[in-house]
Amino acid sequence: MLTLKLHYIIRINKRTLPCIALSLYLLQEMIYAIFSIAFGGGGTARIFTIIVMYLPLIAMLFFQGDKRDVKDFYVLMALIAAFFCVTYLFHPEYYEWFFEGSYPIKTVIFRPDQCIFAYLFFRVIKDPKDILKTLKITAYILLLYYSYQLLHALSVGYWLYNSTGEVEKWSYNLNYGYNHLLVMAIFGYFAMKEKNLFYWILCGISVLEIILGGSRGPLVGVGIFGILLILRFFKEMDMRLRVFLIVASIFALILFVGIGLETILQWVSSIIKSLGISSRTIDMLLQGEIADDNNRSRIYETAIQMIRNGGLFGYGAYGDRYVIGNIAFVGYCHNIILEILIDFGILLGGIFCLRMFYASIKIMFFAQEKEWGDIYMILFVSVTKLFLSGSFWYSEAFWGALAVWISYKKAVKKKKSQMEMKGNEEWTIVQRRSHQG
């Protein structure tokens, strides 16, 4: 009876299999944690995680007539591989960064569970509505998993963090808040789209957990998402919601001016601490440390100097690592624009950055297929991390957003082609009738 019930909840067919694959890909951290309990972590747990992720895609091969147009994924992988090969030919001094250290390309670039493969998992789904449904279901599971992580960290008093090859105990988790941005954006989008209070509550829980368990950087993503959400849905808002937002903004301004941000933060901090919880982000705000750049100004200055000296074609793949690795052990320059300009140079990098900015504005606010624009906006919120931290090579959201843009372009092209074909058919019918008359 249970099997029959599950059959109706999760239908296994050529349409749902890629959706299941995408969900498993996004849940891979949780799946790996489960396998680690059974196998003690390491390579065995990783292999089983990869097998589980790719089983739905392998199963798709058994559905006759199911052809997925993902040739561009193979082209992308070939171009990336060629980019690293050519770079190594010109810069053999990159050997340590390519093959050793914390981010060797065989494990963080080309291993089939890594971020570049997000392109495949998003591209293999044809209908944007299917992606949105998949994201919603996955967000429920991720929220439960992230909540468990936070509660566990609060109970033991620290996060286990492995950034230098050695496990360390930290008072916060650098990636936790950034990872949580995807969950927040999904629930925030559906809250606005479906005007559902329940989703607003889940979105609020996500923001609270970002504050309690994450670093300060994700707060930028929270603010950007709020702005994008209002701009994206302003025309669709009813008058009451518009009035509420305006009144809430005025009230918040009066509150900050009249009482002061520091006083409000002290209230919040005292309430949180009374529950036996601490928040590094709020403590940094109270101590005036929120604007500390953690050596980023020196990294950015070095990156800008590299761009000036790099000429039209830049330093190649991982180009920032060799120099900036002397300042920060991770090597990357903590800003997607600077990283692209260093890797690809002023000419190609500049064109790509301008194209990326134009494409983002166009698809989020002027998309002919709005669902694709909605998915792109959700992923863009996670991509905001790359303006302050991380590398685009290690961002699932970046490669997923690129896949969404390609899918959108193909959908528009297909729709245009169908309309032209329909127009030609109608014109042919009119011509025949005129001849017959």
Protein backbone atom coordinates (compact mmCIF):
# COMPACT_ATOMS: atom_id res chain seq x y z
CA MET A 1 0.00 0.00 0.00
CA LEU A 2 2.88 2.32 0.84
CA THR A 3 4.55 1.59 -2.51
CA LEU A 4 1.34 2.40 -4.34
CA LYS A 5 1.01 5.70 -2.49
CA LEU A 6 4.60 6.69 -3.27
CA HIS A 7 3.99 5.85 -6.92
CA TYR A 8 1.45 8.65 -7.12
CA ILE A 9 3.61 11.09 -5.17
CA ILE A 10 6.78 10.54 -7.23
CA ARG A 11 6.05 9.42 -10.77
CA ILE A 12 9.13 7.95 -12.39
CA ASN A 13 9.11 8.95 -16.04
CA LYS A 14 11.25 10.79 -18.55
CA ARG A 15 9.92 14.14 -17.30
CA THR A 16 10.47 13.61 -13.57
CA LEU A 17 13.83 11.82 -13.76
CA PRO A 18 15.86 14.96 -14.60
CA CYS A 19 14.00 16.80 -11.81
CA ILE A 20 14.96 14.09 -9.34
CA ALA A 21 18.55 14.33 -10.59
CA LEU A 22 18.65 18.10 -10.02
CA SER A 23 17.23 17.70 -6.52
CA LEU A 24 19.80 15.04 -5.64
CA TYR A 25 22.58 17.25 -7.02
CA LEU A 26 21.50 20.16 -4.80
CA LEU A 27 21.19 17.80 -1.82
CA GLN A 28 24.57 16.17 -2.32
CA GLU A 29 26.08 17.66 0.86
CA MET A 30 23.34 16.03 2.92
CA ILE A 31 23.61 12.76 0.98
CA TYR A 32 27.37 12.72 1.51
CA ALA A 33 26.84 13.31 5.25
CA ILE A 34 24.49 10.31 5.38
CA PHE A 35 26.92 8.05 3.53
CA SER A 36 29.74 9.31 5.75
CA ILE A 37 27.90 7.92 8.77
CA ALA A 38 27.82 4.52 7.09
CA PHE A 39 31.30 4.53 5.53
CA GLY A 40 33.21 6.97 7.70
CA GLY A 41 33.48 9.65 5.04
CA GLY A 42 36.24 9.78 2.47
CA GLY A 43 36.27 8.39 -1.05
CA THR A 44 33.73 5.60 -0.55
CA ALA A 45 31.04 7.99 0.68
CA ARG A 46 31.86 10.34 -2.21
CA ILE A 47 31.57 7.59 -4.82
CA PHE A 48 28.18 6.48 -3.50
CA THR A 49 27.00 10.10 -3.49
CA ILE A 50 27.97 10.53 -7.14
CA ILE A 51 26.28 7.25 -8.09
CA VAL A 52 23.03 8.32 -6.43
CA MET A 53 23.15 11.73 -8.17
CA TYR A 54 23.62 10.26 -11.64
CA LEU A 55 21.26 7.28 -11.41
CA PRO A 56 18.24 9.29 -12.64
CA LEU A 57 20.21 10.58 -15.63
CA ILE A 58 21.40 7.07 -16.46
CA ALA A 59 17.81 5.81 -16.15
CA MET A 60 16.74 8.42 -18.72
CA LEU A 61 18.71 6.51 -21.35
CA PHE A 62 16.21 3.65 -21.10
CA PHE A 63 13.30 5.87 -22.15
CA GLN A 64 12.99 5.56 -25.91
CA GLY A 65 12.70 8.79 -27.82
CA ASP A 66 13.88 10.92 -24.88
CA LYS A 67 16.48 13.20 -26.46
CA ARG A 68 17.92 15.99 -24.37
CA ASP A 69 19.72 18.73 -26.23
CA VAL A 70 22.73 19.18 -23.96
CA LYS A 71 25.48 19.16 -26.55
CA ASP A 72 26.45 22.61 -25.30
CA PHE A 73 27.43 21.00 -21.96
CA TYR A 74 30.03 18.85 -23.72
CA VAL A 75 31.23 21.89 -25.62
CA LEU A 76 31.51 23.81 -22.34
CA MET A 77 33.53 21.04 -20.68
CA ALA A 78 35.81 20.78 -23.72
CA LEU A 79 36.42 24.54 -23.69
CA ILE A 80 37.16 24.55 -19.96
CA ALA A 81 39.56 21.61 -20.32
CA ALA A 82 41.28 23.34 -23.24
CA PHE A 83 41.50 26.57 -21.23
CA PHE A 84 43.32 24.82 -18.38
CA CYS A 85 45.60 22.93 -20.78
CA VAL A 86 46.62 26.04 -22.71
CA THR A 87 47.14 27.93 -19.46
CA TYR A 88 49.43 25.21 -18.14
CA LEU A 89 51.46 25.24 -21.37
CA PHE A 90 52.16 28.96 -20.92
CA HIS A 91 52.33 28.89 -17.11
CA PRO A 92 53.92 25.65 -15.83
CA GLU A 93 54.57 27.53 -12.59
CA TYR A 94 50.87 27.02 -11.79
CA TYR A 95 51.56 23.31 -11.18
CA GLU A 96 51.06 23.49 -7.44
CA TRP A 97 47.72 25.27 -7.75
CA PHE A 98 46.51 22.97 -10.54
CA PHE A 99 47.47 19.63 -9.02
CA GLU A 100 48.21 20.13 -5.32
CA GLY A 101 47.08 22.37 -2.46
CA SER A 102 43.50 22.90 -1.30
CA TYR A 103 41.82 23.26 -4.72
CA PRO A 104 43.36 20.82 -7.26
CA ILE A 105 41.43 20.84 -10.52
CA LYS A 106 40.91 17.05 -10.60
CA THR A 107 38.73 17.26 -7.46
CA VAL A 108 37.18 20.74 -7.50
CA ILE A 109 36.75 21.32 -11.24
CA PHE A 110 36.41 18.07 -13.19
CA ARG A 111 35.03 15.64 -10.61
CA PRO A 112 31.41 14.92 -11.64
CA ASP A 113 29.86 16.20 -8.43
CA GLN A 114 31.48 19.63 -8.64
CA CYS A 115 29.98 22.99 -9.47
CA ILE A 116 30.54 23.08 -13.23
CA PHE A 117 28.25 20.05 -13.52
CA ALA A 118 25.39 22.17 -12.17
CA TYR A 119 25.17 23.34 -15.79
CA LEU A 120 24.22 19.81 -16.88
CA PHE A 121 21.65 19.25 -14.12
CA PHE A 122 19.84 22.51 -14.89
CA ARG A 123 20.09 22.21 -18.68
CA VAL A 124 18.66 18.70 -18.81
CA ILE A 125 15.24 19.97 -17.65
CA LYS A 126 13.20 21.41 -20.52
CA ASP A 127 10.30 23.08 -18.70
CA PRO A 128 11.05 25.96 -16.29
CA LYS A 129 7.93 25.10 -14.28
CA ASP A 130 9.50 21.72 -13.52
CA ILE A 131 12.65 23.44 -12.26
CA LEU A 132 10.62 25.73 -9.98
CA LYS A 133 8.70 22.77 -8.53
CA THR A 134 11.97 20.91 -7.98
CA LEU A 135 13.53 23.91 -6.25
CA LYS A 136 10.54 24.25 -3.94
CA ILE A 137 10.62 20.60 -2.86
CA THR A 138 14.40 20.67 -2.45
CA ALA A 139 14.20 23.86 -0.35
CA TYR A 140 12.03 22.10 2.25
CA ILE A 141 14.63 19.36 2.66
CA LEU A 142 17.54 21.81 2.72
CA LEU A 143 15.85 23.98 5.35
CA LEU A 144 15.45 20.95 7.61
CA TYR A 145 19.07 19.97 7.03
CA TYR A 146 20.43 23.47 7.62
CA SER A 147 18.27 23.83 10.75
CA TYR A 148 19.72 20.58 12.07
CA GLN A 149 23.25 21.84 11.34
CA LEU A 150 22.61 25.10 13.19
CA LEU A 151 20.99 23.44 16.22
CA HIS A 152 23.87 20.99 16.45
CA ALA A 153 26.46 23.79 16.26
CA LEU A 154 24.63 25.82 18.91
CA SER A 155 24.39 22.80 21.18
CA VAL A 156 28.14 22.00 21.04
CA GLY A 157 29.18 25.66 20.81
CA TYR A 158 31.19 25.57 17.60
CA TRP A 159 31.28 24.66 13.89
CA LEU A 160 33.79 22.21 12.51
CA TYR A 161 35.54 23.92 9.61
CA ASN A 162 38.11 22.46 7.23
CA SER A 163 39.75 25.19 5.18
CA THR A 164 43.46 24.49 5.51
CA GLY A 165 43.42 20.71 5.43
CA GLU A 166 43.05 20.57 9.21
CA VAL A 167 39.73 20.48 11.05
CA GLU A 168 39.25 23.62 13.15
CA LYS A 169 36.56 24.80 15.57
CA TRP A 170 34.96 28.12 14.56
CA SER A 171 32.24 30.22 16.18
CA TYR A 172 30.50 30.49 12.78
CA ASN A 173 30.44 28.70 9.44
CA LEU A 174 31.71 30.71 6.46
CA ASN A 175 29.72 28.72 3.90
CA TYR A 176 26.56 28.13 5.94
CA GLY A 177 24.99 31.55 5.35
CA TYR A 178 25.93 31.63 1.67
CA ASN A 179 24.48 28.15 1.12
CA HIS A 180 21.31 29.25 2.91
CA LEU A 181 20.75 32.09 0.42
CA LEU A 182 19.31 29.64 -2.12
CA VAL A 183 16.69 28.39 0.38
CA MET A 184 15.79 31.95 1.38
CA ALA A 185 15.44 33.05 -2.25
CA ILE A 186 13.25 30.06 -3.15
CA PHE A 187 10.80 30.58 -0.30
CA GLY A 188 10.86 34.37 -0.73
CA TYR A 189 10.03 33.99 -4.42
CA PHE A 190 7.10 31.63 -3.80
CA ALA A 191 5.87 33.82 -0.94
CA MET A 192 5.60 36.77 -3.31
CA LYS A 193 4.42 34.72 -6.29
CA GLU A 194 1.71 32.79 -4.48
CA LYS A 195 1.00 35.41 -1.77
CA ASN A 196 1.38 32.69 0.85
CA LEU A 197 2.14 33.62 4.47
CA PHE A 198 3.59 30.16 5.16
CA TYR A 199 6.39 30.76 2.65
CA TRP A 200 7.11 34.13 4.23
CA ILE A 201 7.55 32.38 7.57
CA LEU A 202 9.98 29.86 6.05
CA CYS A 203 11.85 32.69 4.34
CA GLY A 204 12.07 34.50 7.68
CA ILE A 205 13.40 31.38 9.40
CA SER A 206 16.04 31.13 6.69
CA VAL A 207 17.14 34.75 7.22
CA LEU A 208 17.28 34.22 10.99
CA GLU A 209 19.46 31.14 10.56
CA ILE A 210 21.75 33.07 8.21
CA ILE A 211 22.25 35.68 10.95
CA LEU A 212 22.77 33.12 13.71
CA GLY A 213 25.03 30.65 11.92
CA GLY A 214 26.63 32.45 9.01
CA SER A 215 29.10 35.23 8.43
CA ARG A 216 28.17 38.84 7.61
CA GLY A 217 28.66 38.47 3.84
CA PRO A 218 25.32 36.73 3.13
CA LEU A 219 23.47 39.77 4.52
CA VAL A 220 24.43 41.54 1.29
CA GLY A 221 22.63 38.78 -0.60
CA VAL A 222 19.59 39.15 1.65
CA GLY A 223 19.44 42.89 0.93
CA ILE A 224 19.91 42.43 -2.83
CA PHE A 225 17.19 39.77 -2.88
CA GLY A 226 14.75 42.13 -1.16
CA ILE A 227 15.40 44.79 -3.80
CA LEU A 228 15.12 42.30 -6.69
CA LEU A 229 11.89 40.87 -5.30
CA ILE A 230 10.24 44.29 -5.07
CA LEU A 231 11.41 45.34 -8.54
CA ARG A 232 10.40 41.99 -10.07
CA PHE A 233 6.88 41.92 -8.59
CA PHE A 234 6.07 45.62 -8.13
CA LYS A 235 3.64 45.72 -11.05
CA GLU A 236 1.90 42.58 -9.80
CA MET A 237 1.52 43.79 -6.20
CA ASP A 238 -1.90 44.89 -5.08
CA MET A 239 -2.29 48.33 -3.57
CA ARG A 240 -2.43 47.02 0.00
CA LEU A 241 0.99 45.36 -0.30
CA ARG A 242 2.49 48.47 -1.88
CA VAL A 243 1.12 50.60 0.96
CA PHE A 244 2.42 48.08 3.52
CA LEU A 245 5.93 48.17 2.06
CA ILE A 246 5.99 51.95 1.98
CA VAL A 247 4.64 52.25 5.57
CA ALA A 248 7.06 49.55 6.81
CA SER A 249 10.00 51.35 5.19
CA ILE A 250 9.01 54.67 6.76
CA PHE A 251 8.47 53.01 10.16
CA ALA A 252 11.87 51.30 9.97
CA LEU A 253 13.53 54.61 9.05
CA ILE A 254 11.87 56.41 11.97
CA LEU A 255 12.84 53.54 14.28
CA PHE A 256 16.49 53.64 13.23
CA VAL A 257 16.68 57.43 13.44
CA GLY A 258 14.71 57.75 16.68
CA ILE A 259 16.11 54.82 18.65
CA GLY A 260 19.30 54.07 16.80
CA LEU A 261 20.58 50.94 15.15
CA GLU A 262 22.96 50.18 17.99
CA THR A 263 20.15 50.18 20.58
CA ILE A 264 17.99 47.91 18.42
CA LEU A 265 20.91 45.52 17.92
CA GLN A 266 21.57 45.47 21.66
CA TRP A 267 17.93 44.49 22.26
CA VAL A 268 18.17 41.74 19.68
CA SER A 269 21.52 40.57 21.03
CA SER A 270 20.25 40.44 24.62
CA ILE A 271 17.18 38.43 23.56
CA ILE A 272 19.31 35.98 21.58
CA LYS A 273 21.86 35.60 24.37
CA SER A 274 19.08 35.05 26.93
CA LEU A 275 18.23 31.95 24.90
CA GLY A 276 21.82 30.76 25.17
CA ILE A 277 22.62 31.68 21.56
CA SER A 278 25.24 34.02 20.12
CA SER A 279 25.51 35.66 16.71
CA ARG A 280 28.88 36.70 15.34
CA THR A 281 27.23 39.02 12.82
CA ILE A 282 25.29 40.97 15.48
CA ASP A 283 28.34 41.09 17.78
CA MET A 284 30.43 42.54 14.93
CA LEU A 285 27.76 45.17 14.29
CA LEU A 286 27.72 46.17 17.95
CA GLN A 287 31.51 46.29 18.11
CA GLY A 288 31.75 48.32 14.91
CA GLU A 289 33.67 45.57 13.12
CA ILE A 290 31.11 44.79 10.42
CA ALA A 291 32.99 46.86 7.84
CA ASP A 292 36.37 45.23 8.50
CA ASP A 293 37.62 43.89 5.18
CA ASN A 294 39.70 40.95 6.50
CA ASN A 295 42.64 41.88 4.26
CA ARG A 296 40.40 42.20 1.19
CA SER A 297 41.59 45.71 0.39
CA ARG A 298 45.13 44.38 -0.05
CA ILE A 299 43.84 41.47 -2.15
CA TYR A 300 41.80 43.81 -4.36
CA GLU A 301 44.75 46.20 -4.81
CA THR A 302 46.93 43.29 -5.89
CA ALA A 303 44.23 41.99 -8.24
CA ILE A 304 43.79 45.40 -9.88
CA GLN A 305 47.54 45.67 -10.37
CA MET A 306 47.55 42.20 -11.98
CA ILE A 307 44.80 43.29 -14.39
CA ARG A 308 46.83 46.35 -15.40
CA ASN A 309 49.90 44.23 -16.04
CA GLY A 310 48.07 41.29 -17.61
CA GLY A 311 47.44 42.85 -20.99
CA LEU A 312 44.54 41.95 -23.27
CA PHE A 313 44.53 38.21 -22.60
CA GLY A 314 45.20 37.94 -18.88
CA TYR A 315 46.87 35.17 -16.90
CA GLY A 316 44.73 32.15 -17.83
CA ALA A 317 42.80 29.72 -15.64
CA TYR A 318 43.55 30.09 -11.92
CA GLY A 319 45.52 33.17 -12.93
CA ASP A 320 44.98 34.96 -9.63
CA ARG A 321 46.18 32.03 -7.49
CA TYR A 322 49.88 32.26 -8.19
CA VAL A 323 50.18 35.88 -6.96
CA ILE A 324 47.29 36.32 -4.53
CA GLY A 325 48.14 32.95 -2.96
CA ASN A 326 51.01 34.81 -1.27
CA ILE A 327 48.46 37.06 0.48
CA ALA A 328 45.56 34.68 1.11
CA PHE A 329 46.06 30.90 1.30
CA VAL A 330 42.92 30.22 -0.82
CA GLY A 331 44.49 32.14 -3.71
CA TYR A 332 41.36 33.50 -5.37
CA CYS A 333 40.70 37.23 -5.28
CA HIS A 334 37.23 37.15 -3.65
CA ASN A 335 35.49 39.07 -6.42
CA ILE A 336 34.01 37.59 -9.60
CA ILE A 337 34.66 40.66 -11.76
CA LEU A 338 38.33 40.87 -10.79
CA GLU A 339 38.75 37.11 -11.17
CA ILE A 340 37.27 37.06 -14.69
CA LEU A 341 39.42 40.02 -15.77
CA ILE A 342 42.56 38.34 -14.40
CA ASP A 343 41.79 34.95 -15.96
CA PHE A 344 40.55 36.12 -19.36
CA GLY A 345 42.15 39.56 -19.67
CA ILE A 346 40.74 43.00 -20.33
CA LEU A 347 39.44 42.14 -23.80
CA LEU A 348 37.62 38.81 -23.40
CA GLY A 349 37.01 39.28 -19.67
CA GLY A 350 35.61 42.77 -20.18
CA ILE A 351 33.27 41.57 -22.93
CA PHE A 352 32.11 38.67 -20.76
CA CYS A 353 31.45 40.91 -17.73
CA LEU A 354 29.44 43.40 -19.80
CA ARG A 355 27.53 40.57 -21.46
CA MET A 356 26.84 38.99 -18.07
CA PHE A 357 25.48 42.27 -16.68
CA TYR A 358 23.28 42.86 -19.73
CA ALA A 359 21.99 39.28 -19.74
CA SER A 360 21.14 39.41 -16.02
CA ILE A 361 19.08 42.59 -16.34
CA LYS A 362 17.34 41.35 -19.48
CA ILE A 363 16.33 37.92 -18.22
CA MET A 364 15.26 39.04 -14.72
CA PHE A 365 13.14 42.01 -15.75
CA PHE A 366 12.40 41.74 -19.48
CA ALA A 367 12.26 38.00 -20.14
CA GLN A 368 9.72 36.81 -22.71
CA GLU A 369 9.54 33.50 -20.79
CA LYS A 370 9.08 34.80 -17.22
CA GLU A 371 9.61 31.48 -15.44
CA TRP A 372 13.19 31.32 -16.76
CA GLY A 373 13.72 34.84 -15.41
CA ASP A 374 12.38 33.80 -12.01
CA ILE A 375 14.79 30.84 -11.81
CA TYR A 376 17.67 33.07 -12.86
CA MET A 377 16.78 35.59 -10.12
CA ILE A 378 16.77 32.86 -7.46
CA LEU A 379 20.20 31.65 -8.55
CA PHE A 380 21.52 35.22 -8.93
CA VAL A 381 20.94 35.77 -5.21
CA SER A 382 23.36 32.93 -4.47
CA VAL A 383 25.80 34.31 -7.05
CA THR A 384 26.04 37.56 -5.02
CA LYS A 385 28.45 35.63 -2.79
CA LEU A 386 31.02 35.94 -5.58
CA PHE A 387 31.22 39.71 -5.19
CA LEU A 388 32.67 39.23 -1.70
CA SER A 389 33.96 35.69 -1.43
CA GLY A 390 34.63 32.46 -3.27
CA SER A 391 35.44 31.77 -6.91
CA PHE A 392 33.12 31.30 -9.88
CA TRP A 393 34.83 27.94 -10.50
CA TYR A 394 33.34 26.71 -7.20
CA SER A 395 29.84 28.19 -7.48
CA GLU A 396 26.90 25.90 -8.32
CA ALA A 397 24.64 28.94 -8.69
CA PHE A 398 26.95 30.59 -11.26
CA TRP A 399 27.03 27.58 -13.58
CA GLY A 400 23.36 26.89 -12.95
CA ALA A 401 22.49 30.47 -13.90
CA LEU A 402 24.55 30.13 -17.08
CA ALA A 403 22.56 26.99 -17.96
CA VAL A 404 19.28 28.80 -17.30
CA TRP A 405 20.34 31.64 -19.61
CA ILE A 406 21.14 29.16 -22.41
CA SER A 407 17.84 27.33 -21.87
CA TYR A 408 16.00 30.65 -22.00
CA LYS A 409 17.69 31.67 -25.25
CA LYS A 410 16.87 28.32 -26.83
CA ALA A 411 13.25 28.53 -25.64
CA VAL A 412 12.84 32.01 -27.13
CA LYS A 413 14.45 30.90 -30.39
CA LYS A 414 12.19 27.84 -30.58
CA LYS A 415 9.07 29.91 -29.88
CA LYS A 416 10.08 32.45 -32.52
CA SER A 417 10.69 29.66 -35.03
CA GLN A 418 7.29 28.12 -34.29
CA MET A 419 5.57 31.48 -34.75
CA GLU A 420 7.35 32.05 -38.05
CA MET A 421 6.40 28.56 -39.22
CA LYS A 422 2.79 29.15 -38.20
CA GLY A 423 2.81 32.49 -40.00
CA ASN A 424 4.22 30.88 -43.14
CA GLU A 425 1.57 28.15 -43.02
CA GLU A 426 -1.22 30.73 -42.64
CA TRP A 427 0.23 32.77 -45.53
CA THR A 428 0.36 29.63 -47.69
CA ILE A 429 -3.30 28.88 -46.94
CA VAL A 430 -4.30 32.45 -47.85
CA GLN A 431 -2.33 32.22 -51.10
CA ARG A 432 -4.00 28.92 -52.03
CA ARG A 433 -7.44 30.32 -51.33
CA SER A 434 -6.71 33.42 -53.42
CA HIS A 435 -5.58 31.23 -56.33
CA GLN A 436 -8.65 29.02 -55.98
CA GLY A 437 -10.87 32.10 -55.91
